[in-house]
Amino acid sequence: MIELHATDALILVDVQNDFLPGGALAVPGGDQVVPVLNAYIERFAAKALPVFATRDWHPPNHCSFRPQGGPWPPHCIAGTWGAEFAPELKLPEGVQIVSKATEPEREAYSGFDGTDLKDLLKQQGIKRLFVGGLATDYCVLNTVKDALKSGFAVFLLIDAIRAVNAHPGDEQRALDEMRRQGAHFITLSDLA
């Protein structure tokens, strides 16, 4: 069992309307992560541990969009319904929101890319990150890789992630890569 400590933080990756069923870039089963993440949020809130929520917060002409030559349909445009967090996600008081991919010419899958997330975590003395959200093979993968590179221990919440699988096998490749780089795989039942 894993005991939560004062140096732990929960990172919710891009649990936004456009990545849920009916959204512009729906992740298959994306809505299924919400109740599981809510259970993790309860555990962290009960111990007054920090919770961070990353979000795509794109300009309308973002380089990742097909009209600009990117691979994706326009999604998570800042200030729109699609960019809002899932309404069923029970974000706690004091959640720290990190907006990424805010510049038109710069892609940013990772919550650390072009944001102050690393500094915020270091200032709060955080050593271990518990990461879940969407999508396994893009923003979760890159956030986990950057967290490990930045010296954090990472616990991947495998019961609270879903993949796009734009190419067959993307999810498995992402999981293999995160494990190879040192992420620990856990589920809610592993928390004390």
Protein backbone atom coordinates (compact mmCIF):
# COMPACT_ATOMS: atom_id res chain seq x y z
CA MET A 1 0.00 0.00 0.00
CA ILE A 2 1.08 3.55 -0.73
CA GLU A 3 0.68 6.14 2.01
CA LEU A 4 0.15 9.73 0.92
CA HIS A 5 2.62 12.25 2.34
CA ALA A 6 2.95 16.03 2.56
CA THR A 7 5.31 15.97 -0.44
CA ASP A 8 2.71 14.41 -2.79
CA ALA A 9 0.56 16.13 -5.41
CA LEU A 10 -2.21 14.98 -7.75
CA ILE A 11 -1.99 16.04 -11.41
CA LEU A 12 -5.20 15.88 -13.46
CA VAL A 13 -4.29 16.06 -17.15
CA ASP A 14 -6.69 17.75 -19.59
CA VAL A 15 -10.04 16.43 -18.32
CA GLN A 16 -11.84 18.81 -20.70
CA ASN A 17 -15.14 18.64 -22.57
CA ASP A 18 -13.54 18.39 -26.02
CA PHE A 19 -11.79 15.16 -24.97
CA LEU A 20 -15.02 13.56 -23.68
CA PRO A 21 -17.73 11.85 -25.77
CA GLY A 22 -19.40 14.48 -27.97
CA GLY A 23 -16.33 16.73 -27.89
CA ALA A 24 -14.30 17.89 -30.87
CA LEU A 25 -11.49 15.40 -30.16
CA ALA A 26 -13.24 12.74 -28.08
CA VAL A 27 -11.05 10.13 -26.41
CA PRO A 28 -12.83 6.73 -26.43
CA GLY A 29 -14.13 6.18 -22.90
CA GLY A 30 -12.71 9.54 -21.80
CA ASP A 31 -15.68 10.16 -19.51
CA GLN A 32 -14.87 6.97 -17.58
CA VAL A 33 -11.85 8.59 -15.93
CA VAL A 34 -13.97 11.26 -14.20
CA PRO A 35 -15.50 9.23 -11.33
CA VAL A 36 -12.16 7.51 -10.67
CA LEU A 37 -10.32 10.84 -10.61
CA ASN A 38 -12.98 12.19 -8.25
CA ALA A 39 -12.12 9.36 -5.85
CA TYR A 40 -8.41 10.30 -6.04
CA ILE A 41 -9.32 13.98 -5.52
CA GLU A 42 -11.22 12.99 -2.34
CA ARG A 43 -8.17 11.15 -0.99
CA PHE A 44 -5.86 14.12 -1.67
CA ALA A 45 -8.34 16.71 -0.38
CA ALA A 46 -8.85 14.70 2.84
CA LYS A 47 -5.14 15.14 3.58
CA ALA A 48 -5.06 18.77 2.32
CA LEU A 49 -2.60 17.80 -0.43
CA PRO A 50 -2.27 19.93 -3.55
CA VAL A 51 -4.22 19.18 -6.71
CA PHE A 52 -3.17 20.55 -10.10
CA ALA A 53 -5.30 20.48 -13.25
CA THR A 54 -3.65 21.03 -16.62
CA ARG A 55 -5.67 22.15 -19.60
CA ASP A 56 -5.19 22.78 -23.30
CA TRP A 57 -5.98 26.47 -23.70
CA HIS A 58 -5.48 26.96 -27.41
CA PRO A 59 -5.76 30.09 -29.52
CA PRO A 60 -8.20 29.62 -32.46
CA ASN A 61 -5.30 29.39 -34.95
CA HIS A 62 -3.17 26.89 -33.01
CA CYS A 63 -0.51 25.03 -35.04
CA SER A 64 -1.89 21.62 -33.98
CA PHE A 65 -5.18 22.26 -35.80
CA ARG A 66 -5.84 20.83 -39.26
CA PRO A 67 -6.60 24.25 -40.84
CA GLN A 68 -3.04 25.27 -39.83
CA GLY A 69 -1.56 21.99 -41.11
CA GLY A 70 -1.63 20.15 -37.77
CA PRO A 71 -2.95 16.64 -37.07
CA TRP A 72 -6.01 17.50 -34.94
CA PRO A 73 -9.42 19.09 -35.40
CA PRO A 74 -9.72 22.44 -33.59
CA HIS A 75 -10.26 21.70 -29.88
CA CYS A 76 -10.02 23.25 -26.40
CA ILE A 77 -10.06 26.81 -27.73
CA ALA A 78 -9.55 29.16 -24.79
CA GLY A 79 -12.81 30.43 -23.32
CA THR A 80 -15.09 27.93 -25.14
CA TRP A 81 -17.30 25.15 -23.74
CA GLY A 82 -14.90 22.57 -25.21
CA ALA A 83 -12.01 23.93 -23.15
CA GLU A 84 -13.92 23.80 -19.86
CA PHE A 85 -13.23 21.02 -17.39
CA ALA A 86 -15.69 18.12 -17.39
CA PRO A 87 -18.71 19.32 -15.38
CA GLU A 88 -18.75 16.10 -13.30
CA LEU A 89 -15.09 16.57 -12.29
CA LYS A 90 -15.14 17.63 -8.63
CA LEU A 91 -12.20 20.01 -8.58
CA PRO A 92 -11.37 20.90 -4.98
CA GLU A 93 -11.15 24.37 -3.47
CA GLY A 94 -7.69 25.70 -4.19
CA VAL A 95 -7.06 23.56 -7.27
CA GLN A 96 -4.12 25.02 -9.19
CA ILE A 97 -4.92 25.33 -12.90
CA VAL A 98 -2.09 25.18 -15.43
CA SER A 99 -2.86 26.33 -18.99
CA LYS A 100 -0.68 24.97 -21.79
CA ALA A 101 -0.34 25.20 -25.58
CA THR A 102 -1.41 28.84 -25.40
CA GLU A 103 0.86 30.12 -28.20
CA PRO A 104 -0.26 29.74 -31.84
CA GLU A 105 3.09 28.44 -33.16
CA ARG A 106 3.99 26.08 -30.32
CA GLU A 107 2.63 22.62 -29.54
CA ALA A 108 2.74 21.55 -25.91
CA TYR A 109 1.47 18.12 -24.93
CA SER A 110 3.17 18.20 -21.53
CA GLY A 111 1.83 20.12 -18.55
CA PHE A 112 5.43 21.25 -18.00
CA ASP A 113 5.98 22.62 -21.52
CA GLY A 114 5.96 26.43 -21.46
CA THR A 115 4.24 26.56 -18.03
CA ASP A 116 5.30 27.25 -14.44
CA LEU A 117 4.20 23.80 -13.22
CA LYS A 118 7.70 22.65 -12.26
CA ASP A 119 8.35 25.84 -10.27
CA LEU A 120 4.98 25.59 -8.49
CA LEU A 121 5.70 21.99 -7.48
CA LYS A 122 9.25 22.76 -6.30
CA GLN A 123 8.06 25.80 -4.29
CA GLN A 124 5.59 23.55 -2.46
CA GLY A 125 8.25 20.92 -1.73
CA ILE A 126 6.54 18.27 -3.86
CA LYS A 127 8.55 15.10 -4.54
CA ARG A 128 5.97 12.58 -5.79
CA LEU A 129 3.34 13.10 -8.49
CA PHE A 130 0.20 11.03 -9.01
CA VAL A 131 -0.87 11.53 -12.63
CA GLY A 132 -4.14 10.67 -14.39
CA GLY A 133 -6.33 12.07 -17.14
CA LEU A 134 -6.37 12.35 -20.93
CA ALA A 135 -4.98 11.16 -23.18
CA THR A 136 -2.60 8.34 -22.24
CA ASP A 137 -0.66 8.44 -25.51
CA TYR A 138 -0.20 12.22 -25.77
CA CYS A 139 -0.60 14.65 -22.88
CA VAL A 140 -0.37 12.07 -20.08
CA LEU A 141 2.70 10.46 -21.69
CA ASN A 142 4.52 13.75 -22.18
CA THR A 143 3.60 15.12 -18.74
CA VAL A 144 4.90 11.92 -17.10
CA LYS A 145 8.14 11.97 -19.14
CA ASP A 146 8.82 15.62 -18.24
CA ALA A 147 7.99 14.99 -14.57
CA LEU A 148 10.51 12.14 -14.45
CA LYS A 149 13.14 14.27 -16.24
CA SER A 150 12.52 17.00 -13.65
CA GLY A 151 13.36 14.59 -10.82
CA PHE A 152 9.89 13.77 -9.50
CA ALA A 153 8.81 10.24 -8.63
CA VAL A 154 5.71 9.48 -10.72
CA PHE A 155 2.76 7.21 -10.00
CA LEU A 156 0.60 6.68 -13.09
CA LEU A 157 -3.05 6.17 -12.19
CA ILE A 158 -3.75 3.40 -14.69
CA ASP A 159 -7.42 3.19 -13.69
CA ALA A 160 -7.88 6.90 -14.52
CA ILE A 161 -6.37 7.27 -18.01
CA ARG A 162 -7.65 6.61 -21.54
CA ALA A 163 -5.90 6.75 -24.92
CA VAL A 164 -6.74 8.24 -28.32
CA ASN A 165 -4.99 5.40 -30.22
CA ALA A 166 -4.73 7.52 -33.37
CA HIS A 167 -2.47 4.67 -34.56
CA PRO A 168 -3.10 1.08 -33.43
CA GLY A 169 -0.92 0.23 -30.44
CA ASP A 170 -0.25 3.85 -29.38
CA GLU A 171 -1.62 3.22 -25.90
CA GLN A 172 0.60 0.18 -25.26
CA ARG A 173 3.67 1.97 -26.64
CA ALA A 174 2.97 4.94 -24.32
CA LEU A 175 2.56 2.67 -21.28
CA ASP A 176 5.75 0.77 -22.13
CA GLU A 177 7.65 4.05 -22.51
CA MET A 178 6.43 5.45 -19.19
CA ARG A 179 7.29 2.21 -17.38
CA ARG A 180 10.73 2.12 -19.05
CA GLN A 181 11.43 5.67 -17.88
CA GLY A 182 10.54 4.81 -14.29
CA ALA A 183 6.84 5.54 -13.70
CA HIS A 184 5.11 3.31 -11.14
CA PHE A 185 1.69 1.98 -12.18
CA ILE A 186 -1.00 2.07 -9.49
CA THR A 187 -4.77 1.97 -9.04
CA LEU A 188 -6.99 3.50 -6.36
CA SER A 189 -6.88 0.25 -4.37
CA ASP A 190 -3.09 0.70 -3.94
CA LEU A 191 -3.58 3.84 -1.82
CA ALA A 192 -3.65 3.28 1.92
